[in-house]
């Protein structure tokens, strides 16, 4: 009995040690980024430091005095990421609900197509996507950055697996008997039940949309429509080459919305992944 308890304690200690180690690895780059955002270029060139400096305000003035439209970039990225997240999560949940509940001919074929699309890298279809948007005259528009996100195969897969683990079809039948329509059943009954899965996917979708650089860089040409990652990339120009502190500060500022959104939604992510990944 004692040996089994000792073995269990050792296993838990190893797991905790690994988790702490991985947590430190994840925190160190962000910490160094924040530290360098407070240092001057000369201090950064001298090497790594773990102690903050006093040049944060100077870096901020340097950043904002050379055409870095930070609030405009914030607004553009927030608009794109919020719209893409809401549409992706809602319509993906609706697709997963239809594939899980309704029995119709061709359902297996549709599900297979979704899985195949998930396996294809996005770069494989990017040229065709660009040409298609050009023919539709949607270049330099936010529409190609928002609407295609509705077709999120990974989100459909996750939500459908979550539904298969917790959703009772008797509950849906009871709602229909009470006179609830399909949309009312989905919006008022199903969505509250699968909130943990939706919250988990909302985090991934928001972070992916916020950090998306290649697609906006190719499609957007107007500087007024630049997203925050595009503005941060522009800091690598010649006029900023000597101001490394301002560059680090710009990158640090771009991480703030992600951290806030993750902190707000993180309480759902563990339950969402656990229930979505295990089928009883």
Protein backbone atom coordinates (compact mmCIF):
# COMPACT_ATOMS: atom_id res chain seq x y z
CA UNK A 1 0.00 0.00 0.00
CA UNK A 2 2.78 2.39 0.93
CA UNK A 3 4.76 1.53 -2.19
CA UNK A 4 1.77 2.28 -4.44
CA UNK A 5 1.23 5.64 -2.73
CA UNK A 6 4.91 6.44 -3.06
CA UNK A 7 4.85 5.51 -6.73
CA UNK A 8 1.80 7.69 -7.30
CA UNK A 9 3.46 10.59 -5.49
CA UNK A 10 6.59 10.23 -7.62
CA UNK A 11 4.53 10.20 -10.82
CA UNK A 12 2.65 13.31 -9.76
CA UNK A 13 5.89 15.07 -8.87
CA UNK A 14 7.35 14.24 -12.28
CA UNK A 15 4.22 15.50 -14.05
CA UNK A 16 4.26 18.73 -11.99
CA UNK A 17 7.96 19.24 -12.69
CA UNK A 18 7.42 18.80 -16.43
CA UNK A 19 4.49 21.23 -16.38
CA UNK A 20 6.51 23.82 -14.48
CA UNK A 21 9.41 23.42 -16.91
CA UNK A 22 7.16 23.83 -19.94
CA UNK A 23 5.47 26.81 -18.31
CA UNK A 24 8.81 28.49 -17.77
CA UNK A 25 9.79 27.84 -21.40
CA UNK A 26 6.56 29.50 -22.53
CA UNK A 27 6.97 32.51 -20.24
CA UNK A 28 10.66 33.27 -20.88
CA UNK A 29 10.27 34.65 -24.47
CA UNK A 30 7.41 36.93 -23.42
CA UNK A 31 9.32 38.10 -20.36
CA UNK A 32 12.43 38.91 -22.40
CA UNK A 33 10.24 40.72 -24.92
CA UNK A 34 8.77 42.92 -22.18
CA UNK A 35 12.22 43.56 -20.70
CA UNK A 36 13.66 44.62 -24.07
CA UNK A 37 10.67 46.93 -24.58
CA UNK A 38 12.02 48.98 -21.65
CA UNK A 39 15.64 49.05 -22.84
CA UNK A 40 17.51 51.25 -25.29
CA UNK A 41 19.16 49.98 -28.44
CA UNK A 42 22.60 50.19 -26.84
CA UNK A 43 21.46 48.15 -23.85
CA UNK A 44 19.86 45.53 -26.10
CA UNK A 45 23.06 45.19 -28.11
CA UNK A 46 25.05 44.47 -24.95
CA UNK A 47 23.19 41.21 -24.38
CA UNK A 48 20.31 39.64 -22.47
CA UNK A 49 19.06 41.23 -19.26
CA UNK A 50 16.42 40.04 -16.80
CA UNK A 51 16.01 43.44 -15.14
CA UNK A 52 13.74 46.15 -16.65
CA UNK A 53 15.30 49.41 -17.72
CA UNK A 54 13.93 52.98 -17.77
CA UNK A 55 13.55 53.64 -21.50
CA UNK A 56 9.94 52.53 -21.94
CA UNK A 57 8.55 56.06 -22.36
CA UNK A 58 11.32 57.01 -24.77
CA UNK A 59 10.59 53.90 -26.84
CA UNK A 60 6.89 54.77 -26.81
CA UNK A 61 7.53 58.32 -28.01
CA UNK A 62 9.83 56.98 -30.69
CA UNK A 63 7.20 54.48 -31.73
CA UNK A 64 4.31 56.94 -31.96
CA UNK A 65 6.24 59.86 -33.44
CA UNK A 66 7.20 58.09 -36.67
CA UNK A 67 3.84 57.25 -38.18
CA UNK A 68 3.10 54.06 -36.27
CA UNK A 69 -0.73 54.24 -36.18
CA UNK A 70 -1.12 51.89 -33.28
CA UNK A 71 -4.77 52.61 -32.43
CA UNK A 72 -5.78 52.33 -36.05
CA UNK A 73 -4.03 48.97 -36.23
CA UNK A 74 -5.74 47.91 -33.01
CA UNK A 75 -9.12 48.82 -34.41
CA UNK A 76 -8.57 47.05 -37.71
CA UNK A 77 -7.28 43.86 -36.10
CA UNK A 78 -10.01 43.88 -33.46
CA UNK A 79 -12.73 44.27 -36.09
CA UNK A 80 -11.37 41.46 -38.27
CA UNK A 81 -10.64 39.07 -35.41
CA UNK A 82 -13.96 39.64 -33.65
CA UNK A 83 -16.06 39.20 -36.80
CA UNK A 84 -14.08 36.17 -37.94
CA UNK A 85 -14.31 34.55 -34.50
CA UNK A 86 -18.06 35.08 -34.08
CA UNK A 87 -18.93 33.89 -37.59
CA UNK A 88 -16.53 30.94 -37.50
CA UNK A 89 -17.67 29.65 -34.13
CA UNK A 90 -21.39 30.11 -34.76
CA UNK A 91 -21.60 28.62 -38.25
CA UNK A 92 -19.14 25.85 -37.44
CA UNK A 93 -21.32 24.91 -34.47
CA UNK A 94 -24.36 24.95 -36.71
CA UNK A 95 -22.62 22.69 -39.23
CA UNK A 96 -21.51 20.30 -36.50
CA UNK A 97 -25.06 20.24 -35.12
CA UNK A 98 -26.51 19.39 -38.52
CA UNK A 99 -23.99 16.62 -39.14
CA UNK A 100 -24.51 15.17 -35.68
CA UNK A 101 -28.30 15.31 -35.38
CA UNK A 102 -29.76 14.99 -38.86
CA UNK A 103 -29.72 11.72 -40.77
CA UNK A 104 -29.56 12.41 -44.49
CA UNK A 105 -28.03 10.91 -47.58
CA UNK A 106 -24.52 12.11 -48.26
CA UNK A 107 -23.72 13.00 -44.65
CA UNK A 108 -20.73 10.66 -44.60
CA UNK A 109 -19.47 12.15 -47.86
CA UNK A 110 -19.70 15.70 -46.49
CA UNK A 111 -17.89 14.65 -43.33
CA UNK A 112 -15.14 13.01 -45.39
CA UNK A 113 -14.73 16.16 -47.48
CA UNK A 114 -14.37 18.26 -44.31
CA UNK A 115 -11.67 15.93 -42.99
CA UNK A 116 -9.81 16.00 -46.32
CA UNK A 117 -9.91 19.80 -46.43
CA UNK A 118 -8.43 19.89 -42.93
CA UNK A 119 -5.45 17.88 -44.14
CA UNK A 120 -4.64 20.27 -46.99
CA UNK A 121 -2.15 23.03 -46.13
CA UNK A 122 -3.46 26.54 -46.64
CA UNK A 123 -0.49 27.50 -48.79
CA UNK A 124 -1.56 24.92 -51.37
CA UNK A 125 -4.68 26.89 -52.28
CA UNK A 126 -3.44 30.40 -51.56
CA UNK A 127 -2.67 31.35 -55.18
CA UNK A 128 -6.07 30.19 -56.32
CA UNK A 129 -7.71 32.02 -53.42
CA UNK A 130 -5.93 35.24 -54.38
CA UNK A 131 -6.98 34.93 -58.02
CA UNK A 132 -10.56 34.22 -56.97
CA UNK A 133 -10.65 37.30 -54.74
CA UNK A 134 -9.14 39.39 -57.54
CA UNK A 135 -11.87 38.30 -59.96
CA UNK A 136 -14.51 39.18 -57.37
CA UNK A 137 -12.80 42.58 -56.93
CA UNK A 138 -12.41 41.98 -53.20
CA UNK A 139 -8.74 42.90 -52.93
CA UNK A 140 -7.94 45.57 -50.35
CA UNK A 141 -11.06 44.51 -48.47
CA UNK A 142 -11.71 42.82 -45.13
CA UNK A 143 -14.25 40.43 -46.63
CA UNK A 144 -11.65 37.79 -47.68
CA UNK A 145 -10.24 37.92 -44.14
CA UNK A 146 -13.61 37.34 -42.45
CA UNK A 147 -16.06 35.37 -44.58
CA UNK A 148 -13.83 32.36 -45.49
CA UNK A 149 -13.34 31.76 -41.77
CA UNK A 150 -16.91 30.44 -41.65
CA UNK A 151 -15.64 27.23 -43.27
CA UNK A 152 -13.51 26.08 -40.32
CA UNK A 153 -13.12 22.32 -40.60
CA UNK A 154 -11.14 21.97 -37.36
CA UNK A 155 -13.83 23.79 -35.40
CA UNK A 156 -16.55 21.62 -36.93
CA UNK A 157 -14.60 18.49 -35.98
CA UNK A 158 -14.03 19.66 -32.42
CA UNK A 159 -17.62 20.78 -31.79
CA UNK A 160 -19.12 17.66 -33.33
CA UNK A 161 -16.94 15.46 -31.12
CA UNK A 162 -17.98 17.52 -28.13
CA UNK A 163 -21.65 17.11 -29.02
CA UNK A 164 -21.27 13.36 -29.42
CA UNK A 165 -19.91 13.16 -25.87
CA UNK A 166 -22.51 15.21 -23.98
CA UNK A 167 -25.50 16.04 -26.17
CA UNK A 168 -28.65 13.97 -25.64
CA UNK A 169 -30.95 13.62 -28.63
CA UNK A 170 -33.87 13.14 -26.24
CA UNK A 171 -33.41 16.77 -25.19
CA UNK A 172 -33.82 17.88 -28.80
CA UNK A 173 -36.87 15.68 -29.26
CA UNK A 174 -38.41 17.20 -26.12
CA UNK A 175 -37.81 20.71 -27.47
CA UNK A 176 -39.51 19.79 -30.74
CA UNK A 177 -42.49 18.33 -28.90
CA UNK A 178 -42.80 21.61 -26.97
CA UNK A 179 -43.08 23.43 -30.30
CA UNK A 180 -39.58 24.89 -30.58
CA UNK A 181 -38.33 25.35 -34.13
CA UNK A 182 -34.93 24.15 -35.30
CA UNK A 183 -33.24 27.55 -35.02
CA UNK A 184 -34.78 28.22 -31.62
CA UNK A 185 -33.65 24.81 -30.42
CA UNK A 186 -30.13 25.43 -31.65
CA UNK A 187 -29.81 29.01 -30.35
CA UNK A 188 -31.58 28.64 -26.99
CA UNK A 189 -30.78 25.07 -26.01
CA UNK A 190 -27.77 23.72 -27.88
CA UNK A 191 -25.49 26.75 -27.77
CA UNK A 192 -25.61 27.13 -23.95
CA UNK A 193 -24.82 23.42 -23.56
CA UNK A 194 -21.75 23.53 -25.82
CA UNK A 195 -20.45 26.86 -24.49
CA UNK A 196 -17.15 25.36 -23.20
CA UNK A 197 -16.33 23.97 -26.65
CA UNK A 198 -17.27 27.24 -28.32
CA UNK A 199 -15.14 29.22 -25.88
CA UNK A 200 -12.13 26.99 -26.47
CA UNK A 201 -12.44 27.33 -30.23
CA UNK A 202 -13.06 31.06 -29.94
CA UNK A 203 -9.65 31.43 -28.27
CA UNK A 204 -7.87 29.55 -31.05
CA UNK A 205 -9.78 31.36 -33.80
CA UNK A 206 -9.22 34.81 -32.31
CA UNK A 207 -5.50 34.26 -31.75
CA UNK A 208 -5.08 32.83 -35.26
CA UNK A 209 -6.95 35.72 -36.85
CA UNK A 210 -5.14 38.36 -34.78
CA UNK A 211 -1.70 36.95 -35.61
CA UNK A 212 -2.51 36.35 -39.28
CA UNK A 213 0.06 38.24 -41.33
CA UNK A 214 0.51 36.61 -44.73
CA UNK A 215 -3.10 36.83 -45.95
CA UNK A 216 -3.63 40.53 -45.02
CA UNK A 217 -0.15 41.36 -46.32
CA UNK A 218 -1.03 39.96 -49.75
CA UNK A 219 -4.61 41.22 -49.96
CA UNK A 220 -4.48 44.62 -48.24
CA UNK A 221 -2.71 47.50 -49.97
CA UNK A 222 -4.16 50.56 -48.22
CA UNK A 223 -2.13 51.59 -45.18
CA UNK A 224 -5.31 52.76 -43.42
CA UNK A 225 -6.51 49.14 -43.43
CA UNK A 226 -3.29 47.62 -42.12
CA UNK A 227 -3.69 45.18 -39.26
CA UNK A 228 -1.48 45.42 -36.19
CA UNK A 229 0.87 42.57 -37.27
CA UNK A 230 1.35 44.39 -40.60
CA UNK A 231 2.23 47.61 -38.78
CA UNK A 232 4.67 45.75 -36.53
CA UNK A 233 6.30 44.27 -39.63
CA UNK A 234 6.70 47.80 -41.04
CA UNK A 235 8.88 48.65 -38.04
CA UNK A 236 11.70 46.76 -39.71
CA UNK A 237 12.16 49.63 -42.15
CA UNK A 238 15.31 51.71 -42.30
CA UNK A 239 14.08 54.50 -40.03
CA UNK A 240 13.56 52.00 -37.21
CA UNK A 241 16.70 49.98 -37.72
CA UNK A 242 18.53 51.73 -34.86
CA UNK A 243 15.55 51.80 -32.47
CA UNK A 244 15.33 48.19 -31.34
CA UNK A 245 13.58 49.15 -28.12
CA UNK A 246 10.71 50.70 -30.07
CA UNK A 247 10.42 47.57 -32.18
CA UNK A 248 10.21 45.35 -29.12
CA UNK A 249 7.64 47.70 -27.59
CA UNK A 250 5.52 47.54 -30.74
CA UNK A 251 5.57 43.74 -30.66
CA UNK A 252 4.72 43.74 -26.94
CA UNK A 253 1.75 46.04 -27.50
CA UNK A 254 0.40 43.73 -30.20
CA UNK A 255 0.26 40.87 -27.65
CA UNK A 256 -1.96 42.70 -25.15
CA UNK A 257 -5.36 41.91 -26.76
CA UNK A 258 -4.42 38.25 -27.10
CA UNK A 259 -3.48 37.98 -23.43
CA UNK A 260 -6.66 39.77 -22.35
CA UNK A 261 -8.89 37.60 -24.52
CA UNK A 262 -7.17 34.43 -23.39
CA UNK A 263 -7.38 35.42 -19.73
CA UNK A 264 -11.09 36.10 -20.09
CA UNK A 265 -11.89 32.84 -21.90
CA UNK A 266 -9.35 30.46 -20.36
CA UNK A 267 -11.76 29.16 -17.71
CA UNK A 268 -13.61 27.33 -20.48
CA UNK A 269 -10.66 25.88 -22.34
CA UNK A 270 -9.84 22.94 -20.05
CA UNK A 271 -13.40 21.69 -19.79
CA UNK A 272 -13.90 22.26 -23.49
CA UNK A 273 -10.88 20.26 -24.58
CA UNK A 274 -11.53 17.49 -22.06
CA UNK A 275 -15.13 16.95 -23.07
CA UNK A 276 -14.48 17.43 -26.77
CA UNK A 277 -11.62 14.98 -26.89
CA UNK A 278 -13.22 12.12 -24.94
CA UNK A 279 -16.24 10.19 -26.07
CA UNK A 280 -18.11 8.26 -23.45
